[in-house]
Amino acid sequence: MRLLASLCLGLLAPSVAATTDALPEPMVFDAWKGPPLRAFVFRPENAADDAPVIFVMHGVKRDADRYFAEWRPLASRYGFVIVVPEFPTSEFPGADSYNLGGVVDESGAVTERDLWAFSAIEPMFDAARSRLGLSSERYVLYGHSAGAQFAHRFALFAAGPRARMVISANAGWYTFPETGAWPYGPHGLPAGVYDPAKAIAAPLVVLAGEADVNPNHPSLRRSPEANAQGKTRFERA
């Protein structure tokens, strides 16, 4: 809980601005079945070998560089490590491939689990630990907007056995664990794809802005199923 409090305080702190320092050369991660991915990683000088590791999942613009620039000052202030993966549209086109984790392809067929976008996180954690000389055994995964959609479904499909917490901030709509047909729920997925006994094994924190109440926001999904969750992002949370 202290980690969550520190993260929330840091995100709200007006004195912490995105850094204008030059971006470091990203790590190229290829130790999984999917395509090579870039990831911006940063360990500040005040981060111990066992410092908290925070994965930061970008939004719909796939702008990992901007998220890294915003989070680097927070990492320096609070002494944690950040890993900011980039899922480019060239390899992960549309919401199905990123927001929904690539569980189902465009034809509606279930994708091989090792190729899900979710499946990059655990081996990327190992790569970051090795690169940065860390002994940390667990990590937190945070996502905003489209990244929040990735995050809560990452928890739903138990894709991160070493995740100590998953934070979903300002998702536009949700996949619920018990009700609804995919992608609003797990119904209709083949047996073995979704395991309710393992779902949300890590604590899942949902954050929402109380002013995020525009029912006509251009990026807000307004299908009947999504509208049943509420008219705005705040209601849907």
Protein backbone atom coordinates (compact mmCIF):
# COMPACT_ATOMS: atom_id res chain seq x y z
CA MET A 1 0.00 0.00 0.00
CA ARG A 2 2.89 2.38 0.66
CA LEU A 3 4.08 1.80 -2.89
CA LEU A 4 0.63 2.61 -4.28
CA ALA A 5 0.44 5.76 -2.14
CA SER A 6 3.85 6.90 -3.35
CA LEU A 7 2.87 6.31 -6.96
CA CYS A 8 -0.38 8.22 -6.62
CA LEU A 9 1.29 11.12 -4.82
CA GLY A 10 3.98 11.22 -7.46
CA LEU A 11 1.51 11.23 -10.33
CA LEU A 12 -0.40 14.11 -8.74
CA ALA A 13 2.65 16.17 -7.78
CA PRO A 14 2.59 19.42 -9.81
CA SER A 15 6.30 20.03 -9.19
CA VAL A 16 7.35 16.94 -11.14
CA ALA A 17 7.44 17.77 -14.84
CA ALA A 18 8.42 15.62 -17.78
CA THR A 19 12.15 15.68 -18.27
CA THR A 20 13.62 17.44 -21.28
CA ASP A 21 16.81 15.37 -21.10
CA ALA A 22 17.75 13.37 -24.16
CA LEU A 23 16.16 9.95 -24.25
CA PRO A 24 18.47 7.01 -23.64
CA GLU A 25 18.92 4.37 -26.30
CA PRO A 26 16.05 1.92 -25.76
CA MET A 27 16.60 -1.70 -24.94
CA VAL A 28 15.69 -4.02 -27.82
CA PHE A 29 13.87 -7.02 -26.42
CA ASP A 30 13.57 -10.16 -28.52
CA ALA A 31 13.48 -12.97 -25.95
CA TRP A 32 9.93 -14.04 -26.75
CA LYS A 33 7.99 -15.49 -29.70
CA GLY A 34 6.63 -12.13 -30.82
CA PRO A 35 8.41 -9.39 -32.79
CA PRO A 36 11.37 -7.48 -31.29
CA LEU A 37 10.19 -4.65 -29.06
CA ARG A 38 11.84 -1.44 -27.93
CA ALA A 39 11.64 -0.59 -24.24
CA PHE A 40 12.91 2.47 -22.42
CA VAL A 41 14.43 1.42 -19.09
CA PHE A 42 15.78 3.60 -16.30
CA ARG A 43 17.34 2.89 -12.92
CA PRO A 44 18.05 6.10 -10.96
CA GLU A 45 21.11 6.38 -8.76
CA ASN A 46 19.00 6.14 -5.60
CA ALA A 47 17.35 2.85 -6.66
CA ALA A 48 18.58 -0.16 -4.69
CA ASP A 49 19.21 -3.53 -6.31
CA ASP A 50 15.81 -4.67 -5.05
CA ALA A 51 14.01 -1.42 -5.91
CA PRO A 52 10.39 -1.55 -7.07
CA VAL A 53 10.08 -2.07 -10.82
CA ILE A 54 7.20 -0.30 -12.58
CA PHE A 55 6.08 -1.22 -16.08
CA VAL A 56 4.42 1.81 -17.70
CA MET A 57 2.09 0.96 -20.58
CA HIS A 58 1.53 3.71 -23.14
CA GLY A 59 -1.80 4.82 -24.56
CA VAL A 60 -3.36 4.68 -28.01
CA LYS A 61 -0.69 6.90 -29.60
CA ARG A 62 1.93 4.22 -28.80
CA ASP A 63 4.23 7.03 -27.60
CA ALA A 64 6.44 5.18 -25.15
CA ASP A 65 9.02 7.97 -25.39
CA ARG A 66 6.58 10.52 -23.94
CA TYR A 67 5.54 8.23 -21.11
CA PHE A 68 9.20 7.60 -20.31
CA ALA A 69 9.92 11.35 -20.21
CA GLU A 70 7.00 11.88 -17.82
CA TRP A 71 7.88 9.01 -15.52
CA ARG A 72 11.66 9.42 -15.32
CA PRO A 73 11.50 12.35 -12.83
CA LEU A 74 9.14 10.31 -10.63
CA ALA A 75 11.52 7.36 -10.70
CA SER A 76 14.38 9.64 -9.66
CA ARG A 77 12.37 11.22 -6.86
CA TYR A 78 11.04 8.01 -5.35
CA GLY A 79 13.87 5.60 -6.19
CA PHE A 80 12.09 3.07 -8.38
CA VAL A 81 12.92 1.54 -11.75
CA ILE A 82 10.77 2.07 -14.85
CA VAL A 83 10.33 -0.11 -17.91
CA VAL A 84 8.31 1.48 -20.72
CA PRO A 85 7.64 -0.95 -23.59
CA GLU A 86 6.62 0.22 -27.05
CA PHE A 87 4.03 -1.78 -28.99
CA PRO A 88 4.16 -0.19 -32.48
CA THR A 89 1.12 -0.19 -34.73
CA SER A 90 3.23 -1.79 -37.46
CA GLU A 91 3.34 -5.00 -35.42
CA PHE A 92 0.29 -4.53 -33.17
CA PRO A 93 -2.33 -2.78 -35.32
CA GLY A 94 -5.54 -1.58 -33.77
CA ALA A 95 -7.10 -2.14 -30.38
CA ASP A 96 -7.38 -5.92 -30.75
CA SER A 97 -3.62 -6.36 -30.89
CA TYR A 98 -2.72 -4.03 -28.00
CA ASN A 99 -5.68 -3.00 -25.83
CA LEU A 100 -7.10 -6.53 -25.93
CA GLY A 101 -3.71 -8.18 -25.77
CA GLY A 102 -3.91 -9.93 -29.13
CA VAL A 103 -5.89 -12.78 -27.57
CA VAL A 104 -8.06 -13.02 -30.68
CA ASP A 105 -6.97 -12.17 -34.23
CA GLU A 106 -8.93 -10.24 -36.86
CA SER A 107 -10.69 -13.40 -38.04
CA GLY A 108 -11.92 -14.16 -34.52
CA ALA A 109 -9.54 -17.07 -33.99
CA VAL A 110 -7.68 -17.35 -30.70
CA THR A 111 -3.99 -16.53 -31.05
CA GLU A 112 -1.22 -18.70 -29.65
CA ARG A 113 -0.73 -17.57 -26.04
CA ASP A 114 3.01 -17.00 -26.46
CA LEU A 115 2.22 -14.40 -29.15
CA TRP A 116 -0.19 -12.37 -27.03
CA ALA A 117 1.07 -8.86 -26.28
CA PHE A 118 0.55 -9.77 -22.62
CA SER A 119 3.16 -12.51 -22.96
CA ALA A 120 6.00 -10.05 -23.58
CA ILE A 121 5.93 -8.63 -20.06
CA GLU A 122 7.30 -11.48 -17.95
CA PRO A 123 10.39 -12.19 -20.12
CA MET A 124 10.92 -8.44 -20.56
CA PHE A 125 11.07 -8.17 -16.76
CA ASP A 126 13.89 -10.72 -16.78
CA ALA A 127 15.70 -8.82 -19.54
CA ALA A 128 15.41 -5.53 -17.64
CA ARG A 129 16.63 -7.12 -14.41
CA SER A 130 19.68 -8.48 -16.19
CA ARG A 131 20.42 -5.24 -18.01
CA LEU A 132 20.10 -3.07 -14.89
CA GLY A 133 21.62 -5.46 -12.34
CA LEU A 134 18.46 -5.85 -10.27
CA SER A 135 17.49 -8.47 -7.73
CA SER A 136 13.83 -7.37 -7.64
CA GLU A 137 11.58 -10.41 -7.81
CA ARG A 138 8.25 -8.74 -8.59
CA TYR A 139 6.93 -5.73 -10.48
CA VAL A 140 3.99 -3.37 -10.74
CA LEU A 141 2.25 -2.84 -14.09
CA TYR A 142 0.58 0.54 -14.69
CA GLY A 143 -1.40 1.52 -17.76
CA HIS A 144 -3.21 4.69 -18.80
CA SER A 145 -6.12 4.89 -21.26
CA ALA A 146 -5.39 2.23 -23.91
CA GLY A 147 -2.61 1.08 -21.59
CA ALA A 148 -5.23 0.76 -18.85
CA GLN A 149 -7.22 -1.54 -21.08
CA PHE A 150 -4.08 -3.61 -21.62
CA ALA A 151 -3.42 -3.58 -17.86
CA HIS A 152 -6.75 -4.82 -16.53
CA ARG A 153 -6.95 -7.56 -19.16
CA PHE A 154 -3.35 -8.52 -18.37
CA ALA A 155 -4.60 -9.12 -14.82
CA LEU A 156 -7.76 -10.85 -16.00
CA PHE A 157 -5.83 -13.41 -18.02
CA ALA A 158 -3.28 -13.94 -15.22
CA ALA A 159 -0.50 -13.10 -17.66
CA GLY A 160 1.88 -11.86 -14.96
CA PRO A 161 2.52 -14.36 -12.16
CA ARG A 162 5.21 -12.06 -10.73
CA ALA A 163 3.05 -8.92 -10.79
CA ARG A 164 2.57 -7.62 -7.25
CA MET A 165 -0.01 -5.07 -8.39
CA VAL A 166 -1.74 -3.96 -11.60
CA ILE A 167 -3.01 -0.38 -11.93
CA SER A 168 -5.56 0.48 -14.62
CA ALA A 169 -6.01 4.26 -14.97
CA ASN A 170 -8.80 5.75 -17.07
CA ALA A 171 -9.75 2.83 -19.29
CA GLY A 172 -12.54 3.63 -21.72
CA TRP A 173 -14.35 0.33 -21.14
CA TYR A 174 -13.74 -3.02 -19.49
CA THR A 175 -13.73 -6.77 -19.87
CA PHE A 176 -15.47 -8.19 -16.81
CA PRO A 177 -14.48 -11.58 -15.40
CA GLU A 178 -17.88 -13.21 -15.05
CA THR A 179 -20.36 -11.81 -17.56
CA GLY A 180 -20.62 -10.95 -21.22
CA ALA A 181 -19.33 -12.26 -24.51
CA TRP A 182 -15.80 -11.42 -25.60
CA PRO A 183 -14.46 -8.73 -25.53
CA TYR A 184 -16.82 -7.49 -22.78
CA GLY A 185 -16.47 -10.74 -20.88
CA PRO A 186 -14.84 -14.16 -21.34
CA HIS A 187 -17.88 -15.97 -22.71
CA GLY A 188 -17.34 -17.51 -26.12
CA LEU A 189 -13.60 -18.00 -25.73
CA PRO A 190 -12.44 -21.61 -26.12
CA ALA A 191 -11.85 -23.67 -23.01
CA GLY A 192 -8.47 -23.05 -21.46
CA VAL A 193 -8.00 -19.52 -22.78
CA TYR A 194 -9.48 -17.91 -19.68
CA ASP A 195 -9.15 -19.51 -16.24
CA PRO A 196 -11.45 -17.88 -13.66
CA ALA A 197 -9.56 -19.60 -10.84
CA LYS A 198 -6.41 -17.69 -11.79
CA ALA A 199 -7.96 -14.40 -12.91
CA ILE A 200 -6.80 -11.25 -11.15
CA ALA A 201 -4.30 -13.06 -8.95
CA ALA A 202 -2.49 -9.77 -8.31
CA PRO A 203 -4.32 -6.85 -6.66
CA LEU A 204 -6.00 -4.78 -9.38
CA VAL A 205 -6.39 -1.05 -8.72
CA VAL A 206 -8.74 0.94 -10.95
CA LEU A 207 -8.16 4.70 -11.09
CA ALA A 208 -10.62 7.15 -12.65
CA GLY A 209 -10.74 10.93 -12.92
CA GLU A 210 -13.90 12.39 -11.43
CA ALA A 211 -13.90 15.05 -14.18
CA ASP A 212 -13.67 12.45 -16.96
CA VAL A 213 -17.39 12.66 -17.65
CA ASN A 214 -17.71 13.58 -21.33
CA PRO A 215 -20.13 11.05 -22.86
CA ASN A 216 -19.20 12.27 -26.35
CA HIS A 217 -15.44 11.96 -26.09
CA PRO A 218 -14.21 10.90 -29.56
CA SER A 219 -12.21 7.94 -28.26
CA LEU A 220 -14.98 6.59 -26.00
CA ARG A 221 -16.50 3.35 -27.24
CA ARG A 222 -20.28 3.64 -27.48
CA SER A 223 -21.43 0.14 -28.40
CA PRO A 224 -24.52 -1.14 -26.55
CA GLU A 225 -22.32 -3.38 -24.40
CA ALA A 226 -19.96 -0.53 -23.51
CA ASN A 227 -22.85 1.85 -22.81
CA ALA A 228 -24.27 -0.72 -20.41
CA GLN A 229 -21.12 -0.16 -18.32
CA GLY A 230 -21.91 3.57 -18.08
CA LYS A 231 -22.05 6.68 -20.22
CA THR A 232 -18.60 8.02 -19.32
CA ARG A 233 -15.20 6.70 -18.31
CA PHE A 234 -15.87 7.71 -14.73
CA GLU A 235 -19.19 5.84 -14.61
CA ARG A 236 -17.65 2.76 -16.22
CA ALA A 237 -14.97 2.55 -13.55
